[in-house]
Protein backbone atom coordinates (compact mmCIF):
# COMPACT_ATOMS: atom_id res chain seq x y z
CA UNK A 1 107.39 74.02 137.50
CA UNK A 2 105.71 75.10 140.74
CA UNK A 3 102.01 75.91 140.80
CA UNK A 4 102.79 79.44 142.04
CA UNK A 5 105.06 80.04 139.05
CA UNK A 6 102.40 78.82 136.65
CA UNK A 7 99.87 81.13 138.31
CA UNK A 8 102.19 84.14 137.94
CA UNK A 9 102.81 83.34 134.28
CA UNK A 10 99.07 83.14 133.68
CA UNK A 11 98.45 86.44 135.48
CA UNK A 12 101.20 88.16 133.49
CA UNK A 13 99.75 86.81 130.25
CA UNK A 14 96.33 88.19 131.18
CA UNK A 15 97.86 91.60 131.99
CA UNK A 16 99.72 91.68 128.67
CA UNK A 17 96.51 90.80 126.84
CA UNK A 18 94.59 93.53 128.66
CA UNK A 19 97.24 96.16 127.88
CA UNK A 20 97.40 95.12 124.22
CA UNK A 21 93.63 95.09 123.86
CA UNK A 22 93.20 98.65 125.15
CA UNK A 23 96.15 100.20 123.31
CA UNK A 24 94.94 102.71 120.77
CA UNK A 25 96.51 103.10 117.33
CA UNK A 26 98.67 106.20 116.98
CA UNK A 27 97.67 108.77 114.35
CA UNK A 28 99.05 112.13 113.27
CA UNK A 29 96.78 115.00 112.21
CA UNK A 30 98.51 117.67 110.15
CA UNK A 31 95.34 119.50 109.08
CA UNK A 32 93.30 121.87 111.19
CA UNK A 33 90.09 119.97 111.92
CA UNK A 34 86.96 120.70 113.92
CA UNK A 35 86.67 120.03 117.63
CA UNK A 36 84.04 117.36 116.92
CA UNK A 37 86.31 115.50 114.52
CA UNK A 38 89.23 115.67 116.93
CA UNK A 39 87.08 114.29 119.75
CA UNK A 40 85.95 111.45 117.51
CA UNK A 41 89.55 110.56 116.73
CA UNK A 42 90.59 110.75 120.38
CA UNK A 43 87.89 108.25 121.35
CA UNK A 44 89.53 105.61 119.17
CA UNK A 45 93.15 106.69 118.69
CA UNK A 46 96.14 108.27 120.34
CA UNK A 47 96.29 111.56 118.46
CA UNK A 48 99.39 113.66 117.75
CA UNK A 49 98.77 117.11 116.27
CA UNK A 50 100.67 119.48 114.02
CA UNK A 51 102.07 121.94 116.58
CA UNK A 52 102.55 124.54 113.84
CA UNK A 53 98.79 125.19 114.16
CA UNK A 54 97.84 124.24 110.65
CA UNK A 55 100.87 125.68 108.87
CA UNK A 56 101.98 123.20 106.18
CA UNK A 57 104.83 120.95 107.22
CA UNK A 58 107.90 120.43 105.10
CA UNK A 59 108.58 116.88 103.92
CA UNK A 60 111.27 116.53 106.59
CA UNK A 61 108.94 117.79 109.33
CA UNK A 62 106.16 115.46 108.24
CA UNK A 63 108.52 112.50 108.27
CA UNK A 64 109.78 113.39 111.74
CA UNK A 65 106.26 113.82 113.10
CA UNK A 66 104.53 110.87 111.46
CA UNK A 67 107.18 108.28 110.63
CA UNK A 68 105.95 105.73 113.18
CA UNK A 69 102.20 106.32 113.19
CA UNK A 70 99.55 103.94 111.88
CA UNK A 71 97.28 106.63 110.48
CA UNK A 72 97.83 110.04 108.87
CA UNK A 73 95.12 112.68 108.40
CA UNK A 74 96.66 115.22 106.04
CA UNK A 75 95.83 118.53 104.41
CA UNK A 76 95.88 119.21 100.65
CA UNK A 77 99.20 121.08 100.93
CA UNK A 78 101.07 118.28 102.74
CA UNK A 79 103.45 116.51 100.41
CA UNK A 80 103.02 112.81 101.13
CA UNK A 81 105.67 111.51 98.75
CA UNK A 82 107.32 108.16 98.06
CA UNK A 83 110.19 108.91 100.43
CA UNK A 84 107.80 109.45 103.33
CA UNK A 85 105.65 106.45 102.46
CA UNK A 86 108.66 104.11 102.18
CA UNK A 87 109.92 105.15 105.61
CA UNK A 88 106.56 105.16 107.42
CA UNK A 89 106.61 101.40 107.86
CA UNK A 90 103.70 101.24 110.34
CA UNK A 91 101.36 103.32 108.20
CA UNK A 92 98.06 101.66 107.26
CA UNK A 93 95.94 104.59 106.11
CA UNK A 94 96.33 108.10 104.68
CA UNK A 95 93.12 110.06 105.13
CA UNK A 96 92.97 113.20 103.02
CA UNK A 97 91.00 116.08 104.54
CA UNK A 98 90.03 117.17 101.01
CA UNK A 99 88.56 115.60 97.89
CA UNK A 100 91.80 115.92 95.93
CA UNK A 101 94.70 113.56 96.55
CA UNK A 102 97.26 114.79 94.01
CA UNK A 103 99.57 115.70 96.91
CA UNK A 104 99.80 111.98 97.77
CA UNK A 105 101.91 109.51 95.81
CA UNK A 106 99.09 107.06 95.14
CA UNK A 107 101.29 104.56 93.35
CA UNK A 108 103.72 104.38 96.26
CA UNK A 109 100.86 104.07 98.76
CA UNK A 110 99.30 101.26 96.77
CA UNK A 111 102.61 99.44 96.44
CA UNK A 112 103.01 99.58 100.24
CA UNK A 113 99.41 98.40 100.80
CA UNK A 114 98.40 101.70 102.39
CA UNK A 115 94.76 102.70 101.95
CA UNK A 116 94.16 106.27 100.80
CA UNK A 117 90.79 107.93 101.47
CA UNK A 118 89.25 111.31 100.70
CA UNK A 119 86.16 113.39 101.49
CA UNK A 120 84.63 113.82 98.05
CA UNK A 121 80.97 113.45 99.06
CA UNK A 122 81.24 116.06 101.81
CA UNK A 123 82.33 118.83 99.46
CA UNK A 124 80.40 118.12 96.24
CA UNK A 125 77.42 120.42 96.82
CA UNK A 126 79.58 123.24 98.12
CA UNK A 127 81.86 123.08 95.08
CA UNK A 128 78.85 122.96 92.79
CA UNK A 129 77.52 126.13 94.44
CA UNK A 130 80.84 127.91 93.88
CA UNK A 131 80.92 126.73 90.26
CA UNK A 132 77.60 128.43 89.67
CA UNK A 133 78.69 131.46 91.66
CA UNK A 134 81.71 131.94 89.42
CA UNK A 135 79.68 131.23 86.29
CA UNK A 136 77.03 133.81 87.10
CA UNK A 137 79.57 136.35 88.37
CA UNK A 138 81.64 136.33 85.19
CA UNK A 139 78.66 136.03 82.82
CA UNK A 140 76.76 138.93 84.40
CA UNK A 141 79.94 140.96 85.14
CA UNK A 142 79.04 141.21 88.81
CA UNK A 143 82.60 141.84 90.00
CA UNK A 144 83.07 144.63 87.46
CA UNK A 145 79.82 146.20 88.57
CA UNK A 146 80.79 145.96 92.24
CA UNK A 147 84.17 147.55 91.54
CA UNK A 148 82.54 150.35 89.54
CA UNK A 149 80.07 151.22 92.28
CA UNK A 150 82.59 151.07 95.12
CA UNK A 151 85.68 152.63 93.59
CA UNK A 152 84.95 154.51 90.42
CA UNK A 153 81.67 156.36 90.67
CA UNK A 154 80.62 155.84 94.27
CA UNK A 155 77.13 154.81 93.32
CA UNK A 156 76.63 156.87 90.16
CA UNK A 157 75.00 154.94 87.35
CA UNK A 158 77.15 153.62 84.57
CA UNK A 159 76.23 154.42 80.95
CA UNK A 160 73.55 151.98 79.66
CA UNK A 161 75.00 148.96 77.91
CA UNK A 162 78.50 149.34 79.26
CA UNK A 163 78.08 146.35 81.58
CA UNK A 164 76.04 144.12 79.34
CA UNK A 165 76.55 140.49 80.30
CA UNK A 166 75.60 137.10 78.89
CA UNK A 167 72.29 135.25 79.18
CA UNK A 168 72.00 131.92 81.00
CA UNK A 169 68.43 130.65 80.53
CA UNK A 170 68.26 128.10 77.76
CA UNK A 171 72.00 128.18 77.05
CA UNK A 172 74.02 124.97 76.77
CA UNK A 173 76.13 123.86 79.70
CA UNK A 174 79.09 121.57 78.98
CA UNK A 175 80.31 119.52 81.94
CA UNK A 176 83.68 117.79 81.68
CA UNK A 177 83.77 115.14 84.40
CA UNK A 178 80.28 113.88 85.24
CA UNK A 179 81.04 112.22 88.56
CA UNK A 180 79.39 113.29 91.81
CA UNK A 181 80.63 116.91 91.47
CA UNK A 182 79.56 117.23 87.86
CA UNK A 183 76.13 115.77 88.56
CA UNK A 184 75.58 118.27 91.38
CA UNK A 185 76.34 121.05 88.89
CA UNK A 186 74.00 119.52 86.32
CA UNK A 187 71.13 119.34 88.83
CA UNK A 188 71.36 123.09 89.35
CA UNK A 189 71.10 123.71 85.61
CA UNK A 190 67.49 122.54 85.59
CA UNK A 191 66.28 125.77 87.16
CA UNK A 192 67.74 127.70 84.24
CA UNK A 193 66.35 125.28 81.65
CA UNK A 194 69.87 124.65 80.38
CA UNK A 195 70.48 121.53 78.31
CA UNK A 196 73.61 119.71 79.47
CA UNK A 197 76.35 118.08 77.43
CA UNK A 198 78.84 115.96 79.34
CA UNK A 199 82.12 114.26 78.61
CA UNK A 200 83.83 111.56 80.65
CA UNK A 201 85.02 107.99 80.34
CA UNK A 202 82.01 106.35 81.95
CA UNK A 203 78.77 107.14 80.22
CA UNK A 204 75.64 107.58 82.28
CA UNK A 205 72.65 105.28 82.03
CA UNK A 206 69.64 106.40 80.01
CA UNK A 207 67.77 107.01 83.28
CA UNK A 208 70.58 109.16 84.66
CA UNK A 209 70.78 111.20 81.46
CA UNK A 210 67.03 111.79 81.53
CA UNK A 211 67.11 112.80 85.20
CA UNK A 212 69.92 115.32 84.59
CA UNK A 213 68.69 116.50 81.17
CA UNK A 214 72.16 115.52 79.94
CA UNK A 215 73.56 114.05 76.73
CA UNK A 216 76.98 112.50 76.14
CA UNK A 217 79.30 114.31 73.72
CA UNK A 218 82.89 113.93 72.65
CA UNK A 219 85.25 116.52 74.09
CA UNK A 220 85.42 118.30 70.73
CA UNK A 221 81.63 118.40 70.34
CA UNK A 222 81.16 119.67 73.88
CA UNK A 223 83.67 122.49 73.45
CA UNK A 224 82.21 123.54 70.10
CA UNK A 225 78.56 123.57 71.22
CA UNK A 226 78.63 124.74 74.84
CA UNK A 227 78.01 128.29 76.00
CA UNK A 228 79.50 127.48 79.41
CA UNK A 229 82.11 124.80 80.10
CA UNK A 230 82.76 123.61 83.66
CA UNK A 231 85.54 121.28 84.78
CA UNK A 232 85.16 118.61 87.50
CA UNK A 233 88.13 116.29 87.10
CA UNK A 234 90.84 114.79 89.29
CA UNK A 235 94.41 115.66 88.34
CA UNK A 236 96.10 112.77 86.54
CA UNK A 237 98.66 112.54 83.77
CA UNK A 238 95.75 112.22 81.34
CA UNK A 239 93.90 115.29 82.60
CA UNK A 240 96.92 117.59 82.99
CA UNK A 241 96.48 120.44 80.45
CA UNK A 242 93.33 118.79 79.13
CA UNK A 243 92.27 122.33 78.30
CA UNK A 244 95.09 123.99 76.39
CA UNK A 245 95.38 126.34 73.41
CA UNK A 246 93.93 123.74 71.01
CA UNK A 247 90.83 123.16 73.13
CA UNK A 248 90.30 126.87 73.83
CA UNK A 249 90.28 127.53 70.08
CA UNK A 250 87.42 125.03 69.74
CA UNK A 251 85.18 127.02 72.08
CA UNK A 252 82.75 129.69 70.97
CA UNK A 253 83.99 133.26 71.23
CA UNK A 254 80.94 133.90 73.41
CA UNK A 255 81.67 130.96 75.74
CA UNK A 256 82.94 130.91 79.33
CA UNK A 257 85.26 128.44 81.08
CA UNK A 258 84.85 127.61 84.79
CA UNK A 259 87.43 125.56 86.73
CA UNK A 260 86.83 124.46 90.33
CA UNK A 261 88.61 121.10 89.97
CA UNK A 262 92.43 121.19 89.85
CA UNK A 263 94.56 124.00 88.47
CA UNK A 264 96.85 122.02 86.15
CA UNK A 265 93.85 120.68 84.22
CA UNK A 266 94.02 124.05 82.42
CA UNK A 267 97.09 125.45 80.68
CA UNK A 268 97.07 128.82 82.42
CA UNK A 269 99.29 130.60 79.88
CA UNK A 270 97.05 129.44 77.05
CA UNK A 271 94.00 130.64 79.00
CA UNK A 272 95.62 134.04 79.55
CA UNK A 273 96.27 134.43 75.84
CA UNK A 274 92.74 133.32 74.92
CA UNK A 275 91.24 135.87 77.31
CA UNK A 276 93.56 138.66 76.17
CA UNK A 277 92.71 138.01 72.54
CA UNK A 278 88.97 137.62 73.33
CA UNK A 279 88.95 134.13 71.79
CA UNK A 280 86.57 133.18 74.61
CA UNK A 281 84.28 135.56 76.51
CA UNK A 282 85.56 134.91 80.01
CA UNK A 283 86.52 132.53 82.79
CA UNK A 284 85.91 131.80 86.46
CA UNK A 285 88.83 130.15 88.25
CA UNK A 286 89.16 128.84 91.82
CA UNK A 287 92.29 126.68 91.38
CA UNK A 288 95.67 127.40 89.83
CA UNK A 289 98.34 125.58 87.92
CA UNK A 290 101.16 126.45 90.35
CA UNK A 291 99.11 127.31 93.39
CA UNK A 292 99.32 129.65 95.23
CA UNK A 293 101.08 131.46 92.36
CA UNK A 294 98.98 132.82 89.50
CA UNK A 295 100.18 133.32 85.95
CA UNK A 296 101.15 137.01 85.61
CA UNK A 297 98.56 138.92 83.66
CA UNK A 298 95.44 137.06 84.76
CA UNK A 299 94.75 139.46 87.61
CA UNK A 300 94.85 142.40 85.18
CA UNK A 301 91.88 141.19 83.14
CA UNK A 302 88.24 142.18 83.59
CA UNK A 303 86.87 139.07 81.84
CA UNK A 304 87.97 136.63 84.55
CA UNK A 305 86.76 136.13 88.12
CA UNK A 306 89.34 134.65 90.49
CA UNK A 307 88.83 133.09 93.93
CA UNK A 308 91.52 131.67 96.26
CA UNK A 309 90.65 127.93 96.23
CA UNK A 310 87.51 128.25 98.34
CA UNK A 311 85.50 125.43 96.75
CA UNK A 312 84.95 123.67 100.07
CA UNK A 313 85.14 126.72 102.30
CA UNK A 314 81.90 126.89 104.22
CA UNK A 315 81.67 126.23 107.94
CA UNK A 316 79.27 123.35 107.49
CA UNK A 317 81.33 121.71 104.77
CA UNK A 318 84.57 122.01 106.73
CA UNK A 319 82.96 120.20 109.67
CA UNK A 320 81.57 117.47 107.42
CA UNK A 321 84.93 117.01 105.72
CA UNK A 322 86.76 116.76 109.04
CA UNK A 323 84.30 114.24 110.48
CA UNK A 324 84.41 112.14 107.32
CA UNK A 325 88.22 112.22 107.20
CA UNK A 326 88.34 111.12 110.85
CA UNK A 327 85.78 108.35 110.31
CA UNK A 328 87.59 107.09 107.19
CA UNK A 329 90.79 106.78 109.21
CA UNK A 330 89.07 105.03 112.12
CA UNK A 331 87.27 102.60 109.82
CA UNK A 332 90.51 101.42 108.24
CA UNK A 333 92.30 101.02 111.59
CA UNK A 334 89.35 99.01 112.94
CA UNK A 335 89.22 96.72 109.93
CA UNK A 336 86.18 98.20 108.15
CA UNK A 337 85.91 99.47 104.60
CA UNK A 338 85.90 103.30 104.69
CA UNK A 339 83.31 105.32 102.83
CA UNK A 340 85.68 106.78 100.23
CA UNK A 341 88.64 104.68 99.08
CA UNK A 342 90.82 106.23 96.38
CA UNK A 343 92.89 103.07 95.76
CA UNK A 344 90.42 100.19 96.24
CA UNK A 345 92.89 97.72 94.73
CA UNK A 346 94.64 97.65 98.11
CA UNK A 347 91.49 96.17 99.66
CA UNK A 348 91.18 93.63 96.87
């Protein structure tokens, strides 16, 4: 081989190496994310966006848009199912914009060695704030009072006692799911001098219980003793309809149920019946069993406060979630362990 030929081969090899080394991984972003998060992604990746401007994609549209990418940043209403995962052969990471990942087939992702991440730490305080907002609103009948003033009497006083609510100070708070979300809720109970009962698989240490003024209880004990019950659970086959007619019958007639976790954790028809029959005092609900649909009859009741899944809906939280989702995706593609891994067995 001539020296000139060898030189050309070497130069071509160097060029190929340079091109390969600067090629960015391709990612698809289906969620609407902040400008800062998008800029962060574009520094490290070739970014393709959902051209429907945040409107949820059908399964077929998602497959067409993201079949060949290495990273997917998805919204909570994107259905990332087994069919998509099996056909997205280049996919290394699915970064959920939200804390919940029940729209993602985790088993399929794990089988295909795809890392799934979420943004649970970014939304915990905001969801805890909404939990307390719903709790106070339904206990003190704030929405009823607002409606009365605005629509019924235009500011005229209502007869004394007709809007009597429930006390909070010193009452028992039952927290089902004492992870990061639940602990944020428990911290806020201190200001109201509320003892906390909690139920979950993993018990807290003695130091953690002391810090949160919390005591472990079985599910039955918690439901029987609590004046307010709040739910902070992921949706799994074990937690689906964890609160149904049986559990609602265990609660005090003066108790309130608050759900800011996942809709199907509560049997909505059973909740409707319990509220209609005044078997519990009231409820505050941000998530629904067949979202965005709501069980007919719930919106007709005065003893329930309903919000449209706004647990993480503050401007600051949305920015934090977007930046964390982007960083999780980048970390995986650059060979680092991301901050929040939902299926850590893939890394092991």
